[in-house]
Amino acid sequence: MRSKVFLVLAVLLFSAPFLFFLLQSVAVSWRYPEVLPAVFSMQTWWLALKGAGLAASLKLAVALAGLVALVATISGFLMGKMLVKHPKKHLLIRLAYLPYAFSPVVYAFCLQFFFSKRNCPVPLQALRWRIF
């Protein structure tokens, strides 16, 4: 009984932000003191789906995501199969965890330090935003 109550509370806690955004997307005029909106409308959804080729963009995005997921799954399976048979598999598995231990931000600072010590133009300076 207690675990069911905990499960229901956990589901409500994690779904509350999504439900709020869904409710906010159909609310016409929802001001602060009101607990719930007075008027609901699907007008914003219809405008979003009709305008500027959004449906075509959504189809393309889903197709590309599916293709990337398929290629990543197949290549990951093949790489894992090759890794199991490799003579230095323990070393390669440890090297695979290196990106988690060495974050990209730390890596960027190391590159900047490396290029500044060699008096090379720092490639990270090219990414600075120009205000004027």
C-alpha atoms as a PDB file:
ATOM      1  CA  MET A   1       0.000   0.000   0.000  1.00  0.00           C
ATOM      2  CA  ARG A   2       2.753   2.397   0.969  1.00  0.00           C
ATOM      3  CA  SER A   3       4.783   1.654  -2.167  1.00  0.00           C
ATOM      4  CA  LYS A   4       1.733   2.309  -4.369  1.00  0.00           C
ATOM      5  CA  VAL A   5       1.233   5.715  -2.777  1.00  0.00           C
ATOM      6  CA  PHE A   6       4.911   6.496  -3.302  1.00  0.00           C
ATOM      7  CA  LEU A   7       4.674   5.392  -6.942  1.00  0.00           C
ATOM      8  CA  VAL A   8       1.601   7.545  -7.582  1.00  0.00           C
ATOM      9  CA  LEU A   9       3.282  10.559  -5.963  1.00  0.00           C
ATOM     10  CA  ALA A  10       6.445  10.005  -7.991  1.00  0.00           C
ATOM     11  CA  VAL A  11       4.487   9.782 -11.252  1.00  0.00           C
ATOM     12  CA  LEU A  12       2.570  12.957 -10.391  1.00  0.00           C
ATOM     13  CA  LEU A  13       5.780  14.752  -9.448  1.00  0.00           C
ATOM     14  CA  PHE A  14       7.543  13.902 -12.689  1.00  0.00           C
ATOM     15  CA  SER A  15       4.537  14.450 -14.943  1.00  0.00           C
ATOM     16  CA  ALA A  16       3.423  17.758 -13.377  1.00  0.00           C
ATOM     17  CA  PRO A  17       5.707  20.020 -15.495  1.00  0.00           C
ATOM     18  CA  PHE A  18       4.588  18.325 -18.717  1.00  0.00           C
ATOM     19  CA  LEU A  19       0.938  18.592 -17.747  1.00  0.00           C
ATOM     20  CA  PHE A  20       1.439  22.258 -16.874  1.00  0.00           C
ATOM     21  CA  PHE A  21       2.975  23.020 -20.287  1.00  0.00           C
ATOM     22  CA  LEU A  22       0.227  21.100 -22.047  1.00  0.00           C
ATOM     23  CA  LEU A  23      -2.419  23.020 -20.105  1.00  0.00           C
ATOM     24  CA  GLN A  24      -0.641  26.295 -20.793  1.00  0.00           C
ATOM     25  CA  SER A  25      -0.535  25.543 -24.523  1.00  0.00           C
ATOM     26  CA  VAL A  26      -4.344  25.334 -24.736  1.00  0.00           C
ATOM     27  CA  ALA A  27      -5.126  28.202 -22.348  1.00  0.00           C
ATOM     28  CA  VAL A  28      -6.241  31.397 -24.039  1.00  0.00           C
ATOM     29  CA  SER A  29      -5.890  33.948 -21.293  1.00  0.00           C
ATOM     30  CA  TRP A  30      -4.599  32.624 -17.994  1.00  0.00           C
ATOM     31  CA  ARG A  31      -3.761  35.259 -15.433  1.00  0.00           C
ATOM     32  CA  TYR A  32      -2.152  34.814 -12.037  1.00  0.00           C
ATOM     33  CA  PRO A  33      -4.963  34.625  -9.503  1.00  0.00           C
ATOM     34  CA  GLU A  34      -6.935  32.057 -11.513  1.00  0.00           C
ATOM     35  CA  VAL A  35      -6.284  28.432 -10.596  1.00  0.00           C
ATOM     36  CA  LEU A  36      -7.361  27.152 -13.998  1.00  0.00           C
ATOM     37  CA  PRO A  37      -7.808  29.029 -17.285  1.00  0.00           C
ATOM     38  CA  ALA A  38     -11.300  30.271 -18.064  1.00  0.00           C
ATOM     39  CA  VAL A  39     -11.135  29.499 -21.789  1.00  0.00           C
ATOM     40  CA  PHE A  40      -9.462  26.628 -23.640  1.00  0.00           C
ATOM     41  CA  SER A  41      -8.637  26.712 -27.345  1.00  0.00           C
ATOM     42  CA  MET A  42      -6.648  24.617 -29.812  1.00  0.00           C
ATOM     43  CA  GLN A  43      -5.982  27.673 -31.989  1.00  0.00           C
ATOM     44  CA  THR A  44      -2.278  27.867 -31.140  1.00  0.00           C
ATOM     45  CA  TRP A  45      -1.838  24.193 -31.970  1.00  0.00           C
ATOM     46  CA  TRP A  46      -3.581  24.602 -35.337  1.00  0.00           C
ATOM     47  CA  LEU A  47      -1.498  27.669 -36.176  1.00  0.00           C
ATOM     48  CA  ALA A  48       1.713  25.881 -35.249  1.00  0.00           C
ATOM     49  CA  LEU A  49       0.883  22.780 -37.279  1.00  0.00           C
ATOM     50  CA  LYS A  50      -0.327  24.666 -40.354  1.00  0.00           C
ATOM     51  CA  GLY A  51       2.313  27.349 -40.613  1.00  0.00           C
ATOM     52  CA  ALA A  52       5.735  27.347 -42.257  1.00  0.00           C
ATOM     53  CA  GLY A  53       5.947  23.662 -43.169  1.00  0.00           C
ATOM     54  CA  LEU A  54       6.159  22.477 -39.596  1.00  0.00           C
ATOM     55  CA  ALA A  55       4.659  19.097 -40.441  1.00  0.00           C
ATOM     56  CA  ALA A  56       7.300  18.490 -43.116  1.00  0.00           C
ATOM     57  CA  SER A  57      10.035  19.562 -40.721  1.00  0.00           C
ATOM     58  CA  LEU A  58       8.689  17.252 -38.051  1.00  0.00           C
ATOM     59  CA  LYS A  59       8.601  14.321 -40.496  1.00  0.00           C
ATOM     60  CA  LEU A  60      12.184  15.023 -41.550  1.00  0.00           C
ATOM     61  CA  ALA A  61      13.373  15.295 -37.957  1.00  0.00           C
ATOM     62  CA  VAL A  62      11.702  12.022 -36.950  1.00  0.00           C
ATOM     63  CA  ALA A  63      13.082  10.248 -40.028  1.00  0.00           C
ATOM     64  CA  LEU A  64      16.615  11.522 -39.373  1.00  0.00           C
ATOM     65  CA  ALA A  65      16.409  10.637 -35.686  1.00  0.00           C
ATOM     66  CA  GLY A  66      15.260   7.132 -36.553  1.00  0.00           C
ATOM     67  CA  LEU A  67      18.051   6.717 -39.098  1.00  0.00           C
ATOM     68  CA  VAL A  68      20.685   7.950 -36.650  1.00  0.00           C
ATOM     69  CA  ALA A  69      19.355   5.657 -33.928  1.00  0.00           C
ATOM     70  CA  LEU A  70      19.443   2.675 -36.292  1.00  0.00           C
ATOM     71  CA  VAL A  71      22.987   3.390 -37.504  1.00  0.00           C
ATOM     72  CA  ALA A  72      24.233   4.044 -33.955  1.00  0.00           C
ATOM     73  CA  THR A  73      22.672   0.835 -32.668  1.00  0.00           C
ATOM     74  CA  ILE A  74      24.080  -1.302 -35.456  1.00  0.00           C
ATOM     75  CA  SER A  75      27.551   0.256 -35.271  1.00  0.00           C
ATOM     76  CA  GLY A  76      27.560   0.005 -31.476  1.00  0.00           C
ATOM     77  CA  PHE A  77      26.635  -3.668 -31.678  1.00  0.00           C
ATOM     78  CA  LEU A  78      29.366  -4.354 -34.242  1.00  0.00           C
ATOM     79  CA  MET A  79      31.983  -2.384 -32.274  1.00  0.00           C
ATOM     80  CA  GLY A  80      31.041  -4.238 -29.098  1.00  0.00           C
ATOM     81  CA  LYS A  81      31.361  -7.543 -30.892  1.00  0.00           C
ATOM     82  CA  MET A  82      34.810  -6.578 -32.194  1.00  0.00           C
ATOM     83  CA  LEU A  83      35.830  -5.283 -28.763  1.00  0.00           C
ATOM     84  CA  VAL A  84      35.059  -8.596 -27.089  1.00  0.00           C
ATOM     85  CA  LYS A  85      37.425 -10.408 -29.452  1.00  0.00           C
ATOM     86  CA  HIS A  86      40.229  -7.824 -29.269  1.00  0.00           C
ATOM     87  CA  PRO A  87      43.381  -8.887 -27.365  1.00  0.00           C
ATOM     88  CA  LYS A  88      43.607  -5.543 -25.523  1.00  0.00           C
ATOM     89  CA  LYS A  89      39.933  -5.277 -24.686  1.00  0.00           C
ATOM     90  CA  HIS A  90      40.510  -4.265 -21.046  1.00  0.00           C
ATOM     91  CA  LEU A  91      42.597  -1.262 -22.111  1.00  0.00           C
ATOM     92  CA  LEU A  92      40.051  -0.251 -24.747  1.00  0.00           C
ATOM     93  CA  ILE A  93      37.184  -0.466 -22.264  1.00  0.00           C
ATOM     94  CA  ARG A  94      39.080   1.795 -19.869  1.00  0.00           C
ATOM     95  CA  LEU A  95      39.765   4.242 -22.680  1.00  0.00           C
ATOM     96  CA  ALA A  96      36.065   4.260 -23.527  1.00  0.00           C
ATOM     97  CA  TYR A  97      35.327   5.773 -20.100  1.00  0.00           C
ATOM     98  CA  LEU A  98      37.830   8.598 -20.632  1.00  0.00           C
ATOM     99  CA  PRO A  99      35.284  11.086 -22.066  1.00  0.00           C
ATOM    100  CA  TYR A 100      33.215  10.764 -18.892  1.00  0.00           C
ATOM    101  CA  ALA A 101      36.212  11.435 -16.662  1.00  0.00           C
ATOM    102  CA  PHE A 102      37.659  14.197 -18.833  1.00  0.00           C
ATOM    103  CA  SER A 103      34.881  16.634 -19.629  1.00  0.00           C
ATOM    104  CA  PRO A 104      34.873  18.683 -22.852  1.00  0.00           C
ATOM    105  CA  VAL A 105      35.206  21.925 -20.898  1.00  0.00           C
ATOM    106  CA  VAL A 106      38.377  20.726 -19.203  1.00  0.00           C
ATOM    107  CA  TYR A 107      39.621  19.450 -22.562  1.00  0.00           C
ATOM    108  CA  ALA A 108      39.034  22.880 -24.139  1.00  0.00           C
ATOM    109  CA  PHE A 109      41.010  24.613 -21.385  1.00  0.00           C
ATOM    110  CA  CYS A 110      43.846  22.101 -21.829  1.00  0.00           C
ATOM    111  CA  LEU A 111      43.897  22.825 -25.558  1.00  0.00           C
ATOM    112  CA  GLN A 112      43.957  26.549 -24.899  1.00  0.00           C
ATOM    113  CA  PHE A 113      46.852  26.124 -22.458  1.00  0.00           C
ATOM    114  CA  PHE A 114      48.694  23.925 -24.979  1.00  0.00           C
ATOM    115  CA  PHE A 115      48.326  26.432 -27.820  1.00  0.00           C
ATOM    116  CA  SER A 116      49.207  29.412 -25.638  1.00  0.00           C
ATOM    117  CA  LYS A 117      52.454  27.771 -24.454  1.00  0.00           C
ATOM    118  CA  ARG A 118      53.489  27.095 -28.054  1.00  0.00           C
ATOM    119  CA  ASN A 119      52.735  30.708 -29.096  1.00  0.00           C
ATOM    120  CA  CYS A 120      50.218  29.448 -31.626  1.00  0.00           C
ATOM    121  CA  PRO A 121      47.017  31.279 -32.397  1.00  0.00           C
ATOM    122  CA  VAL A 122      44.446  29.905 -30.011  1.00  0.00           C
ATOM    123  CA  PRO A 123      41.608  28.298 -31.975  1.00  0.00           C
ATOM    124  CA  LEU A 124      39.173  28.962 -29.132  1.00  0.00           C
ATOM    125  CA  GLN A 125      39.598  32.721 -29.572  1.00  0.00           C
ATOM    126  CA  ALA A 126      37.950  32.449 -32.977  1.00  0.00           C
ATOM    127  CA  LEU A 127      34.758  31.391 -31.218  1.00  0.00           C
ATOM    128  CA  ARG A 128      34.472  34.560 -29.105  1.00  0.00           C
ATOM    129  CA  TRP A 129      31.336  36.550 -29.764  1.00  0.00           C
ATOM    130  CA  ARG A 130      31.754  39.973 -31.281  1.00  0.00           C
ATOM    131  CA  ILE A 131      29.485  42.556 -29.672  1.00  0.00           C
ATOM    132  CA  PHE A 132      30.457  45.521 -31.854  1.00  0.00           C
END
